[in-house]
Amino acid sequence: MFLKNRTGFTLLEVLVALLIIGISLGAVFQAFSQSKRISWKSDEQVESCRIAHNILADSQLIDSVLRQGKGAGIVQGEEGWQYTMSVTPLELNTGDGDRLYKVPSMLNLDLCLIHNQGQRERAYYLSRWYRR
């Protein structure tokens, strides 16, 4: 009555194989999703670096900000980007507690780039030194 040489897989073996495949595919899709998020964030950071470089390369704007002590505006040609800049005398920590050393003839320019995308806002900060 019973066949001894049955070929094929039992239902339990098929279910275990499907479970393993499902877990593997879930891990692969999660890795792809995380990779896409990381890629998107790095693209935005590269874009912010490019915009900051373009702003800091505008010598007329930088001269104006250094004279006035501050500046703000919308980045032309870049949708959703705006900037603020402030200038302070350059002070460095000497390592002796809270003592700061004012560096003569040097200014610290702080640039803050803000990217607005709908309800999401992200800020990028850069500090640069200039000689008076």
N, C-alpha and C. Protein backbone atom coordinates (compact mmCIF):
# COMPACT_ATOMS: atom_id res chain seq x y z
N MET A 1 0.78 -1.19 0.00
CA MET A 1 0.00 0.00 0.00
C MET A 1 0.83 1.27 0.00
N PHE A 2 1.84 1.28 0.86
CA PHE A 2 2.64 2.50 0.98
C PHE A 2 3.83 2.41 0.05
N LEU A 3 4.10 3.55 -0.60
CA LEU A 3 5.26 3.62 -1.49
C LEU A 3 6.48 4.06 -0.68
N LYS A 4 7.55 3.32 -0.80
CA LYS A 4 8.74 3.66 -0.02
C LYS A 4 9.59 4.73 -0.69
N ASN A 5 9.63 4.83 -1.96
CA ASN A 5 10.48 5.79 -2.67
C ASN A 5 9.64 6.96 -3.18
N ARG A 6 9.08 7.71 -2.25
CA ARG A 6 8.30 8.88 -2.67
C ARG A 6 9.28 10.02 -2.95
N THR A 7 9.04 10.74 -4.00
CA THR A 7 9.87 11.90 -4.33
C THR A 7 9.06 13.15 -4.05
N GLY A 8 9.79 14.28 -3.89
CA GLY A 8 9.12 15.55 -3.63
C GLY A 8 9.34 15.99 -2.19
N PHE A 9 8.73 17.11 -1.85
CA PHE A 9 8.91 17.69 -0.52
C PHE A 9 7.61 17.60 0.25
N THR A 10 7.75 17.52 1.55
CA THR A 10 6.55 17.53 2.39
C THR A 10 6.08 18.98 2.54
N LEU A 11 4.88 19.13 3.02
CA LEU A 11 4.31 20.46 3.22
C LEU A 11 5.15 21.26 4.22
N LEU A 12 5.63 20.62 5.25
CA LEU A 12 6.44 21.30 6.26
C LEU A 12 7.75 21.81 5.65
N GLU A 13 8.38 21.02 4.81
CA GLU A 13 9.61 21.46 4.16
C GLU A 13 9.37 22.66 3.25
N VAL A 14 8.27 22.65 2.53
CA VAL A 14 7.93 23.77 1.65
C VAL A 14 7.68 25.03 2.48
N LEU A 15 6.96 24.90 3.59
CA LEU A 15 6.68 26.06 4.44
C LEU A 15 7.96 26.63 5.05
N VAL A 16 8.87 25.77 5.47
CA VAL A 16 10.14 26.24 6.03
C VAL A 16 10.94 26.96 4.94
N ALA A 17 10.98 26.42 3.74
CA ALA A 17 11.70 27.06 2.64
C ALA A 17 11.09 28.43 2.32
N LEU A 18 9.76 28.52 2.28
CA LEU A 18 9.10 29.80 2.02
C LEU A 18 9.38 30.81 3.13
N LEU A 19 9.42 30.34 4.36
CA LEU A 19 9.72 31.22 5.49
C LEU A 19 11.14 31.78 5.37
N ILE A 20 12.09 30.93 5.02
CA ILE A 20 13.48 31.38 4.86
C ILE A 20 13.59 32.38 3.71
N ILE A 21 12.93 32.10 2.61
CA ILE A 21 12.95 33.03 1.46
C ILE A 21 12.31 34.36 1.84
N GLY A 22 11.20 34.32 2.57
CA GLY A 22 10.52 35.55 2.99
C GLY A 22 11.39 36.40 3.89
N ILE A 23 12.04 35.79 4.86
CA ILE A 23 12.93 36.53 5.76
C ILE A 23 14.10 37.12 4.98
N SER A 24 14.66 36.35 4.05
CA SER A 24 15.78 36.84 3.24
C SER A 24 15.37 38.03 2.38
N LEU A 25 14.22 37.94 1.73
CA LEU A 25 13.75 39.04 0.90
C LEU A 25 13.45 40.28 1.75
N GLY A 26 12.90 40.08 2.93
CA GLY A 26 12.65 41.21 3.83
C GLY A 26 13.94 41.93 4.20
N ALA A 27 14.98 41.17 4.49
CA ALA A 27 16.28 41.78 4.83
C ALA A 27 16.87 42.52 3.64
N VAL A 28 16.74 41.94 2.45
CA VAL A 28 17.27 42.59 1.24
C VAL A 28 16.53 43.90 0.97
N PHE A 29 15.20 43.89 1.05
CA PHE A 29 14.43 45.11 0.80
C PHE A 29 14.71 46.18 1.85
N GLN A 30 14.92 45.78 3.09
CA GLN A 30 15.26 46.74 4.13
C GLN A 30 16.62 47.36 3.85
N ALA A 31 17.58 46.57 3.40
CA ALA A 31 18.91 47.09 3.08
C ALA A 31 18.83 48.08 1.91
N PHE A 32 18.03 47.75 0.88
CA PHE A 32 17.85 48.67 -0.24
C PHE A 32 17.21 49.98 0.21
N SER A 33 16.21 49.89 1.07
CA SER A 33 15.53 51.08 1.57
C SER A 33 16.49 51.96 2.36
N GLN A 34 17.28 51.36 3.22
CA GLN A 34 18.25 52.12 4.01
C GLN A 34 19.30 52.74 3.10
N SER A 35 19.73 52.02 2.09
CA SER A 35 20.71 52.53 1.14
C SER A 35 20.16 53.75 0.41
N LYS A 36 18.90 53.70 0.03
CA LYS A 36 18.27 54.83 -0.67
C LYS A 36 18.21 56.05 0.24
N ARG A 37 17.85 55.86 1.52
CA ARG A 37 17.80 56.98 2.47
C ARG A 37 19.18 57.61 2.64
N ILE A 38 20.20 56.78 2.78
CA ILE A 38 21.56 57.29 2.95
C ILE A 38 21.99 58.05 1.69
N SER A 39 21.67 57.52 0.53
CA SER A 39 22.01 58.18 -0.73
C SER A 39 21.32 59.53 -0.83
N TRP A 40 20.05 59.60 -0.46
CA TRP A 40 19.29 60.84 -0.52
C TRP A 40 19.89 61.89 0.42
N LYS A 41 20.26 61.47 1.64
CA LYS A 41 20.86 62.40 2.60
C LYS A 41 22.21 62.91 2.10
N SER A 42 23.01 62.02 1.53
CA SER A 42 24.32 62.46 1.05
C SER A 42 24.18 63.39 -0.15
N ASP A 43 23.19 63.16 -1.01
CA ASP A 43 22.94 64.08 -2.13
C ASP A 43 22.58 65.47 -1.61
N GLU A 44 21.76 65.53 -0.56
CA GLU A 44 21.38 66.82 0.00
C GLU A 44 22.57 67.52 0.65
N GLN A 45 23.45 66.76 1.29
CA GLN A 45 24.64 67.36 1.90
C GLN A 45 25.61 67.87 0.83
N VAL A 46 25.75 67.14 -0.25
CA VAL A 46 26.60 67.59 -1.35
C VAL A 46 26.02 68.87 -1.94
N GLU A 47 24.70 68.92 -2.09
CA GLU A 47 24.05 70.12 -2.62
C GLU A 47 24.27 71.31 -1.68
N SER A 48 24.18 71.08 -0.37
CA SER A 48 24.39 72.18 0.58
C SER A 48 25.84 72.67 0.52
N CYS A 49 26.79 71.77 0.33
CA CYS A 49 28.20 72.17 0.20
C CYS A 49 28.42 73.01 -1.06
N ARG A 50 27.78 72.61 -2.14
CA ARG A 50 27.90 73.36 -3.40
C ARG A 50 27.32 74.76 -3.24
N ILE A 51 26.15 74.86 -2.60
CA ILE A 51 25.51 76.17 -2.41
C ILE A 51 26.35 77.04 -1.48
N ALA A 52 26.87 76.46 -0.40
CA ALA A 52 27.72 77.22 0.53
C ALA A 52 28.97 77.72 -0.19
N HIS A 53 29.57 76.88 -1.02
CA HIS A 53 30.75 77.29 -1.78
C HIS A 53 30.42 78.46 -2.70
N ASN A 54 29.27 78.39 -3.38
CA ASN A 54 28.86 79.47 -4.28
C ASN A 54 28.63 80.78 -3.51
N ILE A 55 28.01 80.69 -2.34
CA ILE A 55 27.77 81.90 -1.54
C ILE A 55 29.09 82.49 -1.09
N LEU A 56 29.99 81.65 -0.57
CA LEU A 56 31.27 82.15 -0.07
C LEU A 56 32.19 82.62 -1.20
N ALA A 57 31.93 82.21 -2.43
CA ALA A 57 32.73 82.66 -3.57
C ALA A 57 32.27 84.02 -4.09
N ASP A 58 31.11 84.50 -3.64
CA ASP A 58 30.58 85.80 -4.06
C ASP A 58 31.27 86.89 -3.23
N SER A 59 32.35 87.46 -3.77
CA SER A 59 33.16 88.41 -3.00
C SER A 59 32.39 89.67 -2.63
N GLN A 60 31.49 90.13 -3.49
CA GLN A 60 30.70 91.33 -3.16
C GLN A 60 29.80 91.06 -1.96
N LEU A 61 29.16 89.92 -1.93
CA LEU A 61 28.28 89.57 -0.82
C LEU A 61 29.09 89.43 0.47
N ILE A 62 30.22 88.75 0.40
CA ILE A 62 31.05 88.54 1.59
C ILE A 62 31.57 89.87 2.12
N ASP A 63 32.04 90.75 1.22
CA ASP A 63 32.52 92.07 1.65
C ASP A 63 31.42 92.85 2.35
N SER A 64 30.21 92.80 1.79
CA SER A 64 29.07 93.49 2.40
C SER A 64 28.76 92.93 3.78
N VAL A 65 28.76 91.62 3.91
CA VAL A 65 28.46 90.99 5.21
C VAL A 65 29.56 91.31 6.22
N LEU A 66 30.82 91.31 5.79
CA LEU A 66 31.91 91.62 6.71
C LEU A 66 31.83 93.06 7.21
N ARG A 67 31.36 93.99 6.35
CA ARG A 67 31.20 95.38 6.76
C ARG A 67 30.00 95.56 7.69
N GLN A 68 28.87 94.93 7.35
CA GLN A 68 27.63 95.13 8.11
C GLN A 68 27.54 94.24 9.35
N GLY A 69 28.25 93.15 9.36
CA GLY A 69 28.21 92.24 10.50
C GLY A 69 27.17 91.14 10.40
N LYS A 70 26.30 91.23 9.39
CA LYS A 70 25.29 90.17 9.20
C LYS A 70 24.70 90.27 7.81
N GLY A 71 24.01 89.23 7.42
CA GLY A 71 23.34 89.20 6.13
C GLY A 71 22.41 88.00 6.06
N ALA A 72 21.39 88.12 5.24
CA ALA A 72 20.43 87.03 5.08
C ALA A 72 19.76 87.18 3.72
N GLY A 73 19.24 86.09 3.22
CA GLY A 73 18.53 86.15 1.95
C GLY A 73 18.14 84.79 1.45
N ILE A 74 17.52 84.81 0.29
CA ILE A 74 17.12 83.59 -0.40
C ILE A 74 18.18 83.28 -1.45
N VAL A 75 18.56 82.04 -1.57
CA VAL A 75 19.57 81.65 -2.55
C VAL A 75 18.92 81.66 -3.92
N GLN A 76 19.42 82.52 -4.79
CA GLN A 76 18.86 82.66 -6.13
C GLN A 76 19.13 81.41 -6.97
N GLY A 77 18.12 80.94 -7.66
CA GLY A 77 18.26 79.78 -8.53
C GLY A 77 18.21 78.45 -7.81
N GLU A 78 17.99 78.47 -6.52
CA GLU A 78 17.91 77.23 -5.73
C GLU A 78 16.60 77.24 -4.95
N GLU A 79 15.66 76.46 -5.38
CA GLU A 79 14.33 76.46 -4.76
C GLU A 79 14.37 75.91 -3.34
N GLY A 80 13.82 76.69 -2.40
CA GLY A 80 13.70 76.24 -1.02
C GLY A 80 14.92 76.50 -0.15
N TRP A 81 15.95 77.15 -0.68
CA TRP A 81 17.17 77.41 0.08
C TRP A 81 17.24 78.87 0.49
N GLN A 82 17.61 79.11 1.74
CA GLN A 82 17.87 80.46 2.22
C GLN A 82 19.10 80.42 3.11
N TYR A 83 19.66 81.60 3.39
CA TYR A 83 20.88 81.65 4.19
C TYR A 83 20.82 82.80 5.19
N THR A 84 21.58 82.66 6.26
CA THR A 84 21.85 83.75 7.19
C THR A 84 23.35 83.72 7.48
N MET A 85 23.92 84.91 7.62
CA MET A 85 25.34 85.01 7.95
C MET A 85 25.51 86.02 9.08
N SER A 86 26.45 85.74 9.95
CA SER A 86 26.80 86.69 11.01
C SER A 86 28.31 86.71 11.17
N VAL A 87 28.82 87.87 11.57
CA VAL A 87 30.26 88.06 11.71
C VAL A 87 30.55 88.46 13.15
N THR A 88 31.54 87.81 13.74
CA THR A 88 31.99 88.13 15.10
C THR A 88 33.52 88.14 15.10
N PRO A 89 34.12 88.84 16.07
CA PRO A 89 35.58 88.75 16.19
C PRO A 89 35.98 87.30 16.48
N LEU A 90 37.10 86.90 15.93
CA LEU A 90 37.56 85.52 16.12
C LEU A 90 38.12 85.35 17.52
N GLU A 91 37.53 84.42 18.26
CA GLU A 91 37.99 84.09 19.61
C GLU A 91 38.26 82.60 19.66
N LEU A 92 39.44 82.24 20.18
CA LEU A 92 39.82 80.83 20.26
C LEU A 92 39.97 80.42 21.72
N ASN A 93 39.59 79.20 22.01
CA ASN A 93 39.74 78.66 23.35
C ASN A 93 41.21 78.33 23.57
N THR A 94 41.76 78.83 24.67
CA THR A 94 43.19 78.62 24.94
C THR A 94 43.45 77.30 25.65
N GLY A 95 42.41 76.64 26.11
CA GLY A 95 42.59 75.40 26.84
C GLY A 95 42.71 75.62 28.34
N ASP A 96 42.74 76.87 28.77
CA ASP A 96 42.82 77.21 30.20
C ASP A 96 41.42 77.52 30.73
N GLY A 97 40.63 76.52 30.88
CA GLY A 97 39.27 76.72 31.39
C GLY A 97 38.39 77.43 30.38
N ASP A 98 37.79 78.53 30.80
CA ASP A 98 36.86 79.26 29.94
C ASP A 98 37.50 80.48 29.29
N ARG A 99 38.81 80.59 29.36
CA ARG A 99 39.49 81.76 28.81
C ARG A 99 39.52 81.70 27.29
N LEU A 100 39.13 82.82 26.66
CA LEU A 100 39.16 82.93 25.21
C LEU A 100 40.21 83.95 24.80
N TYR A 101 40.88 83.67 23.69
CA TYR A 101 41.89 84.59 23.15
C TYR A 101 41.31 85.24 21.91
N LYS A 102 41.24 86.59 21.91
CA LYS A 102 40.78 87.33 20.73
C LYS A 102 41.94 87.44 19.76
N VAL A 103 41.74 86.92 18.57
CA VAL A 103 42.78 86.96 17.54
C VAL A 103 42.68 88.32 16.84
N PRO A 104 43.73 89.14 16.91
CA PRO A 104 43.66 90.45 16.28
C PRO A 104 43.54 90.34 14.76
N SER A 105 42.77 91.23 14.18
CA SER A 105 42.60 91.36 12.72
C SER A 105 41.91 90.16 12.08
N MET A 106 41.25 89.32 12.86
CA MET A 106 40.56 88.16 12.28
C MET A 106 39.08 88.19 12.66
N LEU A 107 38.25 87.77 11.71
CA LEU A 107 36.81 87.69 11.91
C LEU A 107 36.34 86.27 11.67
N ASN A 108 35.29 85.90 12.35
CA ASN A 108 34.66 84.60 12.17
C ASN A 108 33.31 84.83 11.49
N LEU A 109 33.13 84.26 10.30
CA LEU A 109 31.86 84.37 9.58
C LEU A 109 31.12 83.04 9.72
N ASP A 110 29.92 83.10 10.26
CA ASP A 110 29.07 81.92 10.41
C ASP A 110 28.01 81.94 9.33
N LEU A 111 27.93 80.87 8.56
CA LEU A 111 26.93 80.73 7.50
C LEU A 111 25.99 79.60 7.88
N CYS A 112 24.71 79.90 7.87
CA CYS A 112 23.70 78.88 8.13
C CYS A 112 22.82 78.77 6.89
N LEU A 113 22.81 77.62 6.26
CA LEU A 113 21.94 77.35 5.11
C LEU A 113 20.73 76.59 5.61
N ILE A 114 19.55 77.00 5.16
CA ILE A 114 18.32 76.34 5.56
C ILE A 114 17.61 75.86 4.31
N HIS A 115 17.26 74.59 4.29
CA HIS A 115 16.55 74.00 3.16
C HIS A 115 15.14 73.66 3.59
N ASN A 116 14.17 74.32 2.98
CA ASN A 116 12.75 74.08 3.28
C ASN A 116 12.15 73.22 2.17
N GLN A 117 11.61 72.08 2.55
CA GLN A 117 10.89 71.22 1.61
C GLN A 117 9.55 70.89 2.22
N GLY A 118 8.56 71.68 1.91
CA GLY A 118 7.25 71.44 2.49
C GLY A 118 7.28 71.68 3.98
N GLN A 119 6.95 70.66 4.74
CA GLN A 119 6.93 70.80 6.19
C GLN A 119 8.26 70.40 6.82
N ARG A 120 9.20 69.95 6.02
CA ARG A 120 10.50 69.52 6.53
C ARG A 120 11.52 70.62 6.31
N GLU A 121 12.28 70.92 7.36
CA GLU A 121 13.32 71.95 7.28
C GLU A 121 14.62 71.37 7.82
N ARG A 122 15.70 71.60 7.09
CA ARG A 122 17.00 71.09 7.52
C ARG A 122 18.01 72.24 7.43
N ALA A 123 18.85 72.37 8.46
CA ALA A 123 19.84 73.45 8.51
C ALA A 123 21.25 72.87 8.41
N TYR A 124 22.12 73.61 7.72
CA TYR A 124 23.53 73.25 7.58
C TYR A 124 24.34 74.46 8.04
N TYR A 125 25.37 74.21 8.82
CA TYR A 125 26.14 75.29 9.44
C TYR A 125 27.60 75.21 9.02
N LEU A 126 28.17 76.37 8.73
CA LEU A 126 29.57 76.44 8.32
C LEU A 126 30.19 77.69 8.94
N SER A 127 31.40 77.57 9.40
CA SER A 127 32.11 78.70 9.98
C SER A 127 33.42 78.89 9.21
N ARG A 128 33.73 80.15 8.90
CA ARG A 128 34.94 80.44 8.12
C ARG A 128 35.62 81.68 8.70
N TRP A 129 36.94 81.70 8.64
CA TRP A 129 37.70 82.83 9.17
C TRP A 129 38.14 83.76 8.04
N TYR A 130 38.12 85.07 8.35
CA TYR A 130 38.56 86.08 7.38
C TYR A 130 39.48 87.07 8.08
N ARG A 131 40.44 87.56 7.31
CA ARG A 131 41.34 88.61 7.81
C ARG A 131 40.70 89.96 7.50
N ARG A 132 40.77 90.89 8.46
CA ARG A 132 40.21 92.24 8.24
C ARG A 132 41.02 92.99 7.24
